[in-house]
C-alpha atoms as a PDB file:
ATOM      1  CA  MET A   1      33.564  43.025  29.558  1.00  0.00           C
ATOM      2  CA  PHE A   2      32.824  46.736  28.870  1.00  0.00           C
ATOM      3  CA  THR A   3      29.776  48.468  30.162  1.00  0.00           C
ATOM      4  CA  ARG A   4      29.462  50.651  27.071  1.00  0.00           C
ATOM      5  CA  PRO A   5      31.107  51.366  23.765  1.00  0.00           C
ATOM      6  CA  LEU A   6      34.853  51.972  23.753  1.00  0.00           C
ATOM      7  CA  CYS A   7      36.267  55.520  23.747  1.00  0.00           C
ATOM      8  CA  ASP A   8      39.627  56.473  22.072  1.00  0.00           C
ATOM      9  CA  LEU A   9      40.984  59.936  23.145  1.00  0.00           C
ATOM     10  CA  HIS A  10      44.302  59.739  21.307  1.00  0.00           C
ATOM     11  CA  ILE A  11      44.222  58.815  17.588  1.00  0.00           C
ATOM     12  CA  HIS A  12      45.990  60.684  14.823  1.00  0.00           C
ATOM     13  CA  VAL A  13      44.283  61.275  11.375  1.00  0.00           C
ATOM     14  CA  GLY A  14      47.558  60.828   9.670  1.00  0.00           C
ATOM     15  CA  ALA A  15      48.160  57.389  11.228  1.00  0.00           C
ATOM     16  CA  SER A  16      44.709  55.875  10.987  1.00  0.00           C
ATOM     17  CA  VAL A  17      43.420  55.631   7.498  1.00  0.00           C
ATOM     18  CA  ALA A  18      43.516  52.250   5.798  1.00  0.00           C
ATOM     19  CA  PRO A  19      46.197  51.848   3.192  1.00  0.00           C
ATOM     20  CA  HIS A  20      43.651  50.996   0.422  1.00  0.00           C
ATOM     21  CA  ILE A  21      41.780  54.293   1.191  1.00  0.00           C
ATOM     22  CA  MET A  22      45.082  56.215   1.170  1.00  0.00           C
ATOM     23  CA  TRP A  23      45.966  54.650  -2.187  1.00  0.00           C
ATOM     24  CA  SER A  24      42.696  55.545  -3.603  1.00  0.00           C
ATOM     25  CA  ILE A  25      42.854  59.137  -2.243  1.00  0.00           C
ATOM     26  CA  ALA A  26      46.394  59.404  -3.700  1.00  0.00           C
ATOM     27  CA  HIS A  27      45.324  58.326  -7.206  1.00  0.00           C
ATOM     28  CA  SER A  28      42.209  60.345  -7.299  1.00  0.00           C
ATOM     29  CA  GLN A  29      44.366  63.443  -6.571  1.00  0.00           C
ATOM     30  CA  GLY A  30      47.014  62.615  -9.097  1.00  0.00           C
ATOM     31  CA  TYR A  31      49.485  62.443  -6.273  1.00  0.00           C
ATOM     32  CA  ARG A  32      52.874  60.897  -7.400  1.00  0.00           C
ATOM     33  CA  LEU A  33      53.662  58.066  -5.004  1.00  0.00           C
ATOM     34  CA  PRO A  34      57.141  56.751  -4.390  1.00  0.00           C
ATOM     35  CA  THR A  35      56.005  53.251  -5.700  1.00  0.00           C
ATOM     36  CA  LYS A  36      53.562  52.049  -8.196  1.00  0.00           C
ATOM     37  CA  ASP A  37      53.122  48.729  -6.345  1.00  0.00           C
ATOM     38  CA  TYR A  38      50.337  48.660  -3.790  1.00  0.00           C
ATOM     39  CA  PHE A  39      51.826  46.194  -1.430  1.00  0.00           C
ATOM     40  CA  GLU A  40      55.085  48.237  -1.339  1.00  0.00           C
ATOM     41  CA  PHE A  41      52.868  51.275  -0.587  1.00  0.00           C
ATOM     42  CA  VAL A  42      51.312  49.366   2.326  1.00  0.00           C
ATOM     43  CA  GLU A  43      54.697  48.595   3.782  1.00  0.00           C
ATOM     44  CA  LEU A  44      55.665  52.349   3.362  1.00  0.00           C
ATOM     45  CA  ILE A  45      52.962  53.609   5.408  1.00  0.00           C
ATOM     46  CA  THR A  46      52.794  51.042   8.306  1.00  0.00           C
ATOM     47  CA  VAL A  47      55.253  50.269  11.024  1.00  0.00           C
ATOM     48  CA  ASN A  48      57.892  47.737  10.230  1.00  0.00           C
ATOM     49  CA  PRO A  49      60.208  46.878  13.299  1.00  0.00           C
ATOM     50  CA  LYS A  50      63.122  46.645  10.976  1.00  0.00           C
ATOM     51  CA  LYS A  51      62.796  50.233   9.931  1.00  0.00           C
ATOM     52  CA  VAL A  52      61.166  52.010  12.779  1.00  0.00           C
ATOM     53  CA  LYS A  53      63.540  52.159  15.734  1.00  0.00           C
ATOM     54  CA  SER A  54      62.537  55.543  17.274  1.00  0.00           C
ATOM     55  CA  LEU A  55      59.868  58.102  17.443  1.00  0.00           C
ATOM     56  CA  ASP A  56      61.696  60.164  14.640  1.00  0.00           C
ATOM     57  CA  ASP A  57      61.445  57.054  12.330  1.00  0.00           C
ATOM     58  CA  TYR A  58      57.640  56.811  13.231  1.00  0.00           C
ATOM     59  CA  LEU A  59      57.046  60.434  12.459  1.00  0.00           C
ATOM     60  CA  LYS A  60      59.056  60.419   9.253  1.00  0.00           C
ATOM     61  CA  ILE A  61      56.336  58.134   7.746  1.00  0.00           C
ATOM     62  CA  LEU A  62      53.695  60.620   8.609  1.00  0.00           C
ATOM     63  CA  HIS A  63      55.580  63.610   7.319  1.00  0.00           C
ATOM     64  CA  ASP A  64      56.926  62.022   4.148  1.00  0.00           C
ATOM     65  CA  VAL A  65      53.784  60.233   2.859  1.00  0.00           C
ATOM     66  CA  THR A  66      50.523  60.328   4.748  1.00  0.00           C
ATOM     67  CA  GLU A  67      50.258  64.011   5.599  1.00  0.00           C
ATOM     68  CA  LYS A  68      50.881  65.001   1.911  1.00  0.00           C
ATOM     69  CA  ILE A  69      48.323  62.584   0.588  1.00  0.00           C
ATOM     70  CA  GLN A  70      45.742  64.097   2.941  1.00  0.00           C
ATOM     71  CA  SER A  71      46.518  67.728   1.949  1.00  0.00           C
ATOM     72  CA  SER A  72      43.341  68.618   0.257  1.00  0.00           C
ATOM     73  CA  PRO A  73      39.663  69.300   1.332  1.00  0.00           C
ATOM     74  CA  SER A  74      38.388  66.142  -0.269  1.00  0.00           C
ATOM     75  CA  ALA A  75      41.282  63.999   1.162  1.00  0.00           C
ATOM     76  CA  ILE A  76      40.910  65.189   4.741  1.00  0.00           C
ATOM     77  CA  GLU A  77      37.073  64.907   4.578  1.00  0.00           C
ATOM     78  CA  ARG A  78      37.292  61.400   3.404  1.00  0.00           C
ATOM     79  CA  SER A  79      40.048  60.482   5.828  1.00  0.00           C
ATOM     80  CA  VAL A  80      38.076  61.679   8.889  1.00  0.00           C
ATOM     81  CA  TYR A  81      34.896  59.952   7.678  1.00  0.00           C
ATOM     82  CA  GLU A  82      36.695  56.561   6.996  1.00  0.00           C
ATOM     83  CA  ILE A  83      38.474  56.567  10.373  1.00  0.00           C
ATOM     84  CA  ILE A  84      35.345  57.032  12.500  1.00  0.00           C
ATOM     85  CA  GLY A  85      33.308  54.498  10.511  1.00  0.00           C
ATOM     86  CA  LYS A  86      35.987  51.776  10.587  1.00  0.00           C
ATOM     87  CA  GLU A  87      36.724  52.243  14.425  1.00  0.00           C
ATOM     88  CA  TYR A  88      33.047  51.898  15.151  1.00  0.00           C
ATOM     89  CA  ARG A  89      32.648  48.772  12.760  1.00  0.00           C
ATOM     90  CA  GLY A  90      35.926  47.172  13.849  1.00  0.00           C
ATOM     91  CA  SER A  91      36.142  48.010  17.621  1.00  0.00           C
ATOM     92  CA  LEU A  92      32.697  49.444  18.516  1.00  0.00           C
ATOM     93  CA  VAL A  93      34.310  52.824  19.419  1.00  0.00           C
ATOM     94  CA  GLY A  94      31.389  54.905  20.316  1.00  0.00           C
ATOM     95  CA  ARG A  95      33.354  58.107  21.223  1.00  0.00           C
ATOM     96  CA  ILE A  96      36.501  59.228  19.403  1.00  0.00           C
ATOM     97  CA  GLU A  97      38.696  62.337  19.459  1.00  0.00           C
ATOM     98  CA  LEU A  98      40.601  62.625  16.319  1.00  0.00           C
ATOM     99  CA  ARG A  99      43.627  64.898  16.235  1.00  0.00           C
ATOM    100  CA  PHE A 100      45.552  66.430  13.319  1.00  0.00           C
ATOM    101  CA  ASN A 101      47.277  69.696  12.241  1.00  0.00           C
ATOM    102  CA  PRO A 102      45.354  71.437   9.648  1.00  0.00           C
ATOM    103  CA  MET A 103      48.489  73.409   8.573  1.00  0.00           C
ATOM    104  CA  LYS A 104      50.169  70.184   7.778  1.00  0.00           C
ATOM    105  CA  ARG A 105      47.305  69.596   5.273  1.00  0.00           C
ATOM    106  CA  ASN A 106      47.317  72.768   3.324  1.00  0.00           C
ATOM    107  CA  LEU A 107      50.535  72.426   1.351  1.00  0.00           C
ATOM    108  CA  HIS A 108      52.351  75.228   3.292  1.00  0.00           C
ATOM    109  CA  GLY A 109      49.574  77.731   2.694  1.00  0.00           C
ATOM    110  CA  GLU A 110      48.758  76.838  -0.958  1.00  0.00           C
ATOM    111  CA  ARG A 111      45.318  75.604   0.215  1.00  0.00           C
ATOM    112  CA  ASP A 112      42.932  77.636   2.234  1.00  0.00           C
ATOM    113  CA  LEU A 113      43.120  76.498   5.869  1.00  0.00           C
ATOM    114  CA  ASP A 114      39.469  77.052   6.523  1.00  0.00           C
ATOM    115  CA  HIS A 115      38.530  74.778   3.657  1.00  0.00           C
ATOM    116  CA  ILE A 116      40.684  72.132   5.183  1.00  0.00           C
ATOM    117  CA  ILE A 117      38.950  72.561   8.647  1.00  0.00           C
ATOM    118  CA  HIS A 118      35.413  72.695   7.070  1.00  0.00           C
ATOM    119  CA  ALA A 119      36.148  69.482   5.215  1.00  0.00           C
ATOM    120  CA  ALA A 120      37.261  67.565   8.242  1.00  0.00           C
ATOM    121  CA  ILE A 121      34.123  68.740  10.071  1.00  0.00           C
ATOM    122  CA  ARG A 122      31.984  67.507   7.109  1.00  0.00           C
ATOM    123  CA  GLY A 123      33.604  64.169   7.298  1.00  0.00           C
ATOM    124  CA  MET A 124      33.152  63.849  10.981  1.00  0.00           C
ATOM    125  CA  ASP A 125      29.491  64.910  10.838  1.00  0.00           C
ATOM    126  CA  ARG A 126      28.677  62.487   8.115  1.00  0.00           C
ATOM    127  CA  ALA A 127      30.282  59.530   9.953  1.00  0.00           C
ATOM    128  CA  CYS A 128      28.578  60.589  13.233  1.00  0.00           C
ATOM    129  CA  LEU A 129      25.276  60.663  11.452  1.00  0.00           C
ATOM    130  CA  GLU A 130      25.599  57.299   9.825  1.00  0.00           C
ATOM    131  CA  TYR A 131      27.071  55.417  12.809  1.00  0.00           C
ATOM    132  CA  ASN A 132      25.552  57.465  15.774  1.00  0.00           C
ATOM    133  CA  VAL A 133      29.074  58.009  17.151  1.00  0.00           C
ATOM    134  CA  GLU A 134      30.164  60.882  19.322  1.00  0.00           C
ATOM    135  CA  ALA A 135      33.285  62.552  17.905  1.00  0.00           C
ATOM    136  CA  GLY A 136      35.333  65.606  18.202  1.00  0.00           C
ATOM    137  CA  LEU A 137      38.547  67.130  16.605  1.00  0.00           C
ATOM    138  CA  ILE A 138      41.652  68.259  18.503  1.00  0.00           C
ATOM    139  CA  PHE A 139      44.099  70.578  16.543  1.00  0.00           C
ATOM    140  CA  CYS A 140      47.738  69.757  17.011  1.00  0.00           C
ATOM    141  CA  LEU A 141      50.198  72.678  17.380  1.00  0.00           C
ATOM    142  CA  ALA A 142      53.704  71.859  16.273  1.00  0.00           C
ATOM    143  CA  ARG A 143      56.855  72.280  18.335  1.00  0.00           C
ATOM    144  CA  GLU A 144      58.758  73.070  15.069  1.00  0.00           C
ATOM    145  CA  PHE A 145      56.317  75.759  14.108  1.00  0.00           C
ATOM    146  CA  ASP A 146      56.894  79.504  14.726  1.00  0.00           C
ATOM    147  CA  PRO A 147      54.796  80.785  17.606  1.00  0.00           C
ATOM    148  CA  ASP A 148      52.645  82.980  15.321  1.00  0.00           C
ATOM    149  CA  LEU A 149      51.551  79.764  13.389  1.00  0.00           C
ATOM    150  CA  ASN A 150      50.527  78.009  16.601  1.00  0.00           C
ATOM    151  CA  GLN A 151      48.631  81.132  17.481  1.00  0.00           C
ATOM    152  CA  ILE A 152      46.604  80.786  14.301  1.00  0.00           C
ATOM    153  CA  LEU A 153      45.864  77.218  14.965  1.00  0.00           C
ATOM    154  CA  VAL A 154      44.444  78.037  18.553  1.00  0.00           C
ATOM    155  CA  GLU A 155      42.384  80.974  17.045  1.00  0.00           C
ATOM    156  CA  LYS A 156      40.985  78.572  14.420  1.00  0.00           C
ATOM    157  CA  ALA A 157      40.251  75.902  17.032  1.00  0.00           C
ATOM    158  CA  ILE A 158      38.293  78.587  18.999  1.00  0.00           C
ATOM    159  CA  ARG A 159      36.453  79.793  15.865  1.00  0.00           C
ATOM    160  CA  TYR A 160      35.206  76.166  15.271  1.00  0.00           C
ATOM    161  CA  ARG A 161      34.610  75.353  18.874  1.00  0.00           C
ATOM    162  CA  ASP A 162      30.766  75.134  18.219  1.00  0.00           C
ATOM    163  CA  ARG A 163      31.429  73.086  15.065  1.00  0.00           C
ATOM    164  CA  GLY A 164      32.961  70.121  16.766  1.00  0.00           C
ATOM    165  CA  VAL A 165      36.660  71.293  17.481  1.00  0.00           C
ATOM    166  CA  VAL A 166      36.982  70.210  21.242  1.00  0.00           C
ATOM    167  CA  GLY A 167      40.709  70.791  22.121  1.00  0.00           C
ATOM    168  CA  ILE A 168      44.237  71.633  21.302  1.00  0.00           C
ATOM    169  CA  ASP A 169      47.302  69.525  21.562  1.00  0.00           C
ATOM    170  CA  VAL A 170      51.219  70.095  21.167  1.00  0.00           C
ATOM    171  CA  ALA A 171      53.013  67.361  19.155  1.00  0.00           C
ATOM    172  CA  GLY A 172      56.395  66.675  17.791  1.00  0.00           C
ATOM    173  CA  PRO A 173      59.668  65.418  19.262  1.00  0.00           C
ATOM    174  CA  GLU A 174      60.840  67.185  22.492  1.00  0.00           C
ATOM    175  CA  SER A 175      64.377  68.532  22.786  1.00  0.00           C
ATOM    176  CA  HIS A 176      65.792  68.481  26.201  1.00  0.00           C
ATOM    177  CA  THR A 177      67.697  71.649  25.572  1.00  0.00           C
ATOM    178  CA  ILE A 178      64.607  73.450  24.427  1.00  0.00           C
ATOM    179  CA  GLU A 179      61.393  71.991  25.631  1.00  0.00           C
ATOM    180  CA  LEU A 180      61.899  72.157  29.443  1.00  0.00           C
ATOM    181  CA  ASP A 181      60.443  74.406  31.884  1.00  0.00           C
ATOM    182  CA  GLU A 182      61.311  77.842  30.537  1.00  0.00           C
ATOM    183  CA  SER A 183      60.465  77.024  26.884  1.00  0.00           C
ATOM    184  CA  VAL A 184      57.384  75.161  27.727  1.00  0.00           C
ATOM    185  CA  GLY A 185      56.304  78.627  28.615  1.00  0.00           C
ATOM    186  CA  ARG A 186      55.941  79.411  24.803  1.00  0.00           C
ATOM    187  CA  TYR A 187      52.597  77.753  24.975  1.00  0.00           C
ATOM    188  CA  GLU A 188      51.385  79.141  28.254  1.00  0.00           C
ATOM    189  CA  GLN A 189      49.299  82.017  26.817  1.00  0.00           C
ATOM    190  CA  LEU A 190      48.054  79.771  24.013  1.00  0.00           C
ATOM    191  CA  PHE A 191      46.758  77.060  26.637  1.00  0.00           C
ATOM    192  CA  GLU A 192      45.183  79.799  28.727  1.00  0.00           C
ATOM    193  CA  ARG A 193      43.506  81.318  25.579  1.00  0.00           C
ATOM    194  CA  ALA A 194      42.132  77.853  24.563  1.00  0.00           C
ATOM    195  CA  ARG A 195      40.952  77.116  28.153  1.00  0.00           C
ATOM    196  CA  SER A 196      39.081  80.483  28.511  1.00  0.00           C
ATOM    197  CA  ALA A 197      37.298  79.677  25.221  1.00  0.00           C
ATOM    198  CA  GLY A 198      36.094  76.284  26.563  1.00  0.00           C
ATOM    199  CA  LEU A 199      38.622  74.090  24.721  1.00  0.00           C
ATOM    200  CA  GLY A 200      40.291  71.028  26.203  1.00  0.00           C
ATOM    201  CA  THR A 201      44.027  70.935  26.461  1.00  0.00           C
ATOM    202  CA  THR A 202      46.489  68.048  25.980  1.00  0.00           C
ATOM    203  CA  ILE A 203      50.178  67.673  25.119  1.00  0.00           C
ATOM    204  CA  HIS A 204      52.544  65.091  24.033  1.00  0.00           C
ATOM    205  CA  THR A 205      55.364  64.616  26.485  1.00  0.00           C
ATOM    206  CA  GLY A 206      57.370  62.022  28.255  1.00  0.00           C
ATOM    207  CA  GLU A 207      57.007  59.528  25.276  1.00  0.00           C
ATOM    208  CA  THR A 208      60.582  58.619  24.434  1.00  0.00           C
ATOM    209  CA  ALA A 209      62.976  56.256  26.160  1.00  0.00           C
ATOM    210  CA  SER A 210      65.664  58.948  26.394  1.00  0.00           C
ATOM    211  CA  SER A 211      63.346  61.302  28.364  1.00  0.00           C
ATOM    212  CA  GLY A 212      62.712  61.363  32.048  1.00  0.00           C
ATOM    213  CA  GLY A 213      59.985  62.911  33.933  1.00  0.00           C
ATOM    214  CA  GLU A 214      61.260  66.557  33.258  1.00  0.00           C
ATOM    215  CA  GLY A 215      58.973  67.287  30.454  1.00  0.00           C
ATOM    216  CA  VAL A 216      55.914  66.075  32.444  1.00  0.00           C
ATOM    217  CA  ILE A 217      56.931  68.189  35.333  1.00  0.00           C
ATOM    218  CA  ALA A 218      57.458  71.346  33.182  1.00  0.00           C
ATOM    219  CA  VAL A 219      54.168  70.833  31.505  1.00  0.00           C
ATOM    220  CA  LEU A 220      52.272  70.442  34.697  1.00  0.00           C
ATOM    221  CA  LYS A 221      53.809  73.540  36.246  1.00  0.00           C
ATOM    222  CA  ARG A 222      53.424  75.913  33.287  1.00  0.00           C
ATOM    223  CA  LEU A 223      50.561  74.605  31.154  1.00  0.00           C
ATOM    224  CA  LYS A 224      48.353  72.641  33.568  1.00  0.00           C
ATOM    225  CA  PRO A 225      46.747  70.458  30.767  1.00  0.00           C
ATOM    226  CA  ASP A 226      43.559  68.479  31.303  1.00  0.00           C
ATOM    227  CA  ARG A 227      45.350  65.395  29.758  1.00  0.00           C
ATOM    228  CA  ILE A 228      48.904  64.323  28.629  1.00  0.00           C
ATOM    229  CA  GLY A 229      49.578  62.264  25.608  1.00  0.00           C
ATOM    230  CA  HIS A 230      51.754  59.253  26.564  1.00  0.00           C
ATOM    231  CA  GLY A 231      53.599  60.691  29.523  1.00  0.00           C
ATOM    232  CA  ILE A 232      55.000  57.261  30.379  1.00  0.00           C
ATOM    233  CA  ARG A 233      58.433  58.355  31.461  1.00  0.00           C
ATOM    234  CA  ALA A 234      56.913  60.206  34.436  1.00  0.00           C
ATOM    235  CA  THR A 235      56.794  56.668  36.148  1.00  0.00           C
ATOM    236  CA  TYR A 236      60.513  56.993  36.459  1.00  0.00           C
ATOM    237  CA  SER A 237      60.349  60.104  38.437  1.00  0.00           C
ATOM    238  CA  ASP A 238      58.961  60.509  41.923  1.00  0.00           C
ATOM    239  CA  GLU A 239      58.232  64.147  41.513  1.00  0.00           C
ATOM    240  CA  ALA A 240      56.416  63.676  38.222  1.00  0.00           C
ATOM    241  CA  LEU A 241      54.229  60.923  39.770  1.00  0.00           C
ATOM    242  CA  ALA A 242      53.506  63.156  42.769  1.00  0.00           C
ATOM    243  CA  ARG A 243      52.514  66.032  40.546  1.00  0.00           C
ATOM    244  CA  LEU A 244      50.277  63.969  38.335  1.00  0.00           C
ATOM    245  CA  ALA A 245      48.544  62.435  41.264  1.00  0.00           C
ATOM    246  CA  ASP A 246      48.047  65.764  42.796  1.00  0.00           C
ATOM    247  CA  ALA A 247      46.626  67.418  39.556  1.00  0.00           C
ATOM    248  CA  GLY A 248      44.519  64.269  38.692  1.00  0.00           C
ATOM    249  CA  THR A 249      45.761  64.714  35.074  1.00  0.00           C
ATOM    250  CA  LEU A 250      44.815  61.673  32.948  1.00  0.00           C
ATOM    251  CA  LEU A 251      47.611  60.077  30.800  1.00  0.00           C
ATOM    252  CA  GLU A 252      46.579  58.934  27.343  1.00  0.00           C
ATOM    253  CA  ILE A 253      48.491  55.569  27.148  1.00  0.00           C
ATOM    254  CA  CYS A 254      49.170  54.018  23.646  1.00  0.00           C
ATOM    255  CA  PRO A 255      50.785  50.610  24.354  1.00  0.00           C
ATOM    256  CA  THR A 256      51.490  49.230  20.824  1.00  0.00           C
ATOM    257  CA  SER A 257      52.726  52.643  19.566  1.00  0.00           C
ATOM    258  CA  ASN A 258      55.177  52.808  22.500  1.00  0.00           C
ATOM    259  CA  LEU A 259      56.429  49.460  21.827  1.00  0.00           C
ATOM    260  CA  HIS A 260      57.088  50.225  18.068  1.00  0.00           C
ATOM    261  CA  THR A 261      58.838  53.461  18.825  1.00  0.00           C
ATOM    262  CA  ARG A 262      61.022  51.790  21.540  1.00  0.00           C
ATOM    263  CA  ALA A 263      59.516  54.098  24.124  1.00  0.00           C
ATOM    264  CA  VAL A 264      59.118  50.948  26.114  1.00  0.00           C
ATOM    265  CA  ARG A 265      61.249  47.851  25.598  1.00  0.00           C
ATOM    266  CA  HIS A 266      58.619  45.034  26.286  1.00  0.00           C
ATOM    267  CA  LEU A 267      55.283  44.324  27.871  1.00  0.00           C
ATOM    268  CA  GLU A 268      56.913  43.827  31.239  1.00  0.00           C
ATOM    269  CA  GLU A 269      57.877  47.496  31.147  1.00  0.00           C
ATOM    270  CA  VAL A 270      54.310  48.391  30.209  1.00  0.00           C
ATOM    271  CA  ARG A 271      53.292  46.310  33.274  1.00  0.00           C
ATOM    272  CA  TYR A 272      55.640  48.191  35.506  1.00  0.00           C
ATOM    273  CA  ILE A 273      54.307  51.670  33.913  1.00  0.00           C
ATOM    274  CA  LEU A 274      50.538  50.842  34.322  1.00  0.00           C
ATOM    275  CA  GLY A 275      51.079  49.311  37.794  1.00  0.00           C
ATOM    276  CA  SER A 276      52.876  52.583  38.962  1.00  0.00           C
ATOM    277  CA  LEU A 277      50.185  54.670  37.620  1.00  0.00           C
ATOM    278  CA  GLN A 278      47.525  52.457  39.480  1.00  0.00           C
ATOM    279  CA  ALA A 279      49.606  52.525  42.734  1.00  0.00           C
ATOM    280  CA  HIS A 280      49.653  56.333  42.645  1.00  0.00           C
ATOM    281  CA  LYS A 281      46.077  56.533  41.612  1.00  0.00           C
ATOM    282  CA  ILE A 282      46.871  58.413  38.472  1.00  0.00           C
ATOM    283  CA  PRO A 283      44.058  58.102  35.872  1.00  0.00           C
ATOM    284  CA  PHE A 284      44.929  56.706  32.491  1.00  0.00           C
ATOM    285  CA  SER A 285      43.140  55.712  29.254  1.00  0.00           C
ATOM    286  CA  ILE A 286      44.083  53.186  26.610  1.00  0.00           C
ATOM    287  CA  ASN A 287      44.314  54.405  23.096  1.00  0.00           C
ATOM    288  CA  THR A 288      45.560  53.532  19.714  1.00  0.00           C
ATOM    289  CA  ASP A 289      47.688  56.485  18.548  1.00  0.00           C
ATOM    290  CA  GLY A 290      47.514  55.348  14.936  1.00  0.00           C
ATOM    291  CA  THR A 291      45.488  52.260  14.047  1.00  0.00           C
ATOM    292  CA  TYR A 292      46.840  51.493  10.511  1.00  0.00           C
ATOM    293  CA  LEU A 293      50.343  52.868  11.094  1.00  0.00           C
ATOM    294  CA  CYS A 294      50.655  50.592  14.134  1.00  0.00           C
ATOM    295  CA  ARG A 295      48.523  47.719  12.677  1.00  0.00           C
ATOM    296  CA  THR A 296      46.152  47.835  15.563  1.00  0.00           C
ATOM    297  CA  ASN A 297      42.773  48.858  16.906  1.00  0.00           C
ATOM    298  CA  LEU A 298      41.384  49.820  20.298  1.00  0.00           C
ATOM    299  CA  ARG A 299      39.885  46.394  21.095  1.00  0.00           C
ATOM    300  CA  ARG A 300      43.213  44.848  20.280  1.00  0.00           C
ATOM    301  CA  GLU A 301      44.994  47.276  22.675  1.00  0.00           C
ATOM    302  CA  TYR A 302      42.849  46.054  25.463  1.00  0.00           C
ATOM    303  CA  LYS A 303      43.206  42.416  24.519  1.00  0.00           C
ATOM    304  CA  LEU A 304      46.963  42.820  24.472  1.00  0.00           C
ATOM    305  CA  LEU A 305      46.968  44.081  28.061  1.00  0.00           C
ATOM    306  CA  ILE A 306      44.417  41.666  29.340  1.00  0.00           C
ATOM    307  CA  ASP A 307      46.068  38.489  27.685  1.00  0.00           C
ATOM    308  CA  ALA A 308      49.361  39.620  29.225  1.00  0.00           C
ATOM    309  CA  GLU A 309      47.530  39.949  32.567  1.00  0.00           C
ATOM    310  CA  ILE A 310      48.622  43.536  32.874  1.00  0.00           C
ATOM    311  CA  LEU A 311      45.042  44.627  33.232  1.00  0.00           C
ATOM    312  CA  THR A 312      42.009  42.584  34.468  1.00  0.00           C
ATOM    313  CA  PRO A 313      38.862  43.033  32.479  1.00  0.00           C
ATOM    314  CA  GLU A 314      37.472  44.974  35.209  1.00  0.00           C
ATOM    315  CA  GLU A 315      40.344  47.365  35.216  1.00  0.00           C
ATOM    316  CA  ALA A 316      40.101  47.688  31.487  1.00  0.00           C
ATOM    317  CA  ASP A 317      36.445  48.684  31.797  1.00  0.00           C
ATOM    318  CA  ARG A 318      37.583  51.264  34.475  1.00  0.00           C
ATOM    319  CA  CYS A 319      40.200  52.604  31.870  1.00  0.00           C
ATOM    320  CA  ASN A 320      37.422  52.948  29.315  1.00  0.00           C
ATOM    321  CA  GLU A 321      35.268  54.835  31.871  1.00  0.00           C
ATOM    322  CA  ALA A 322      38.139  57.105  32.777  1.00  0.00           C
ATOM    323  CA  ALA A 323      38.387  58.006  29.083  1.00  0.00           C
ATOM    324  CA  TYR A 324      34.661  58.953  29.027  1.00  0.00           C
ATOM    325  CA  ALA A 325      35.272  61.017  32.096  1.00  0.00           C
ATOM    326  CA  ALA A 326      38.253  63.004  30.686  1.00  0.00           C
ATOM    327  CA  SER A 327      36.719  63.361  27.227  1.00  0.00           C
ATOM    328  CA  PHE A 328      36.640  66.943  25.964  1.00  0.00           C
ATOM    329  CA  LEU A 329      33.280  66.148  24.406  1.00  0.00           C
ATOM    330  CA  ASP A 330      31.724  66.512  27.904  1.00  0.00           C
END
């Protein structure tokens, strides 16, 4: 079905490490877990539809548990290494762009930020060597951070551009009163700085059921990113669709994740969204977002869409090719 190995452009380190690896990392660091039972721990760090009813619930799992466990050089090195190897073995993912926020792995400055970054690069280099996979790191800026902290993250991304850091992202819940046109401008200089240094740019927007296409429109006008993470609510706005088509901006679609966070109600809505993107000739890729948090992998994402007859095998292959074409590794 696929002409070459799969490519995942949107996968978070905090959501993609196997529970037994997270359990091992926590114990090796003497981290005090909220439970002593392994199977309760698994439920704690994976999506349960009864407890996850929104994006905020989804992110709470990351902030409360997984990011803390990964907050050491040895933990982040092992995490990155394990993700790349698992995705190759389980789904034949031959190109992968892992994203994370290094500042959310240094215990609010208690650990040196450069040591965290170096460790992530070591884990990536080792996995790429062992599995012959192409990989890169994307640093996530945080909407809740002060501008000076996001500035530091951009400068670190630039510093490690030649070591495998390939882009920047902005992540975190959007606020309609804060994150629209004027305030999106907070990132304008940061995105321009990253672009001028040769980094790719992407941003989370339009990923909640309550949002319309306003965030996507604001981002396209002010930041001009290479790609947009999720962006699914743009399909409910004629202006957003027109702007996306004109810019040729690829959307990083994460079907299972969007179903879990209630960003979409059911597969029929996914059918509408992808059909709308195809009708407007807007490129999109299929991605996992978080493999273990969402109990999925990239091959399962494609199978979900093909089995539901939302994509044909040929269209799935074209999505994979679109991911390669939009990859920051090129």
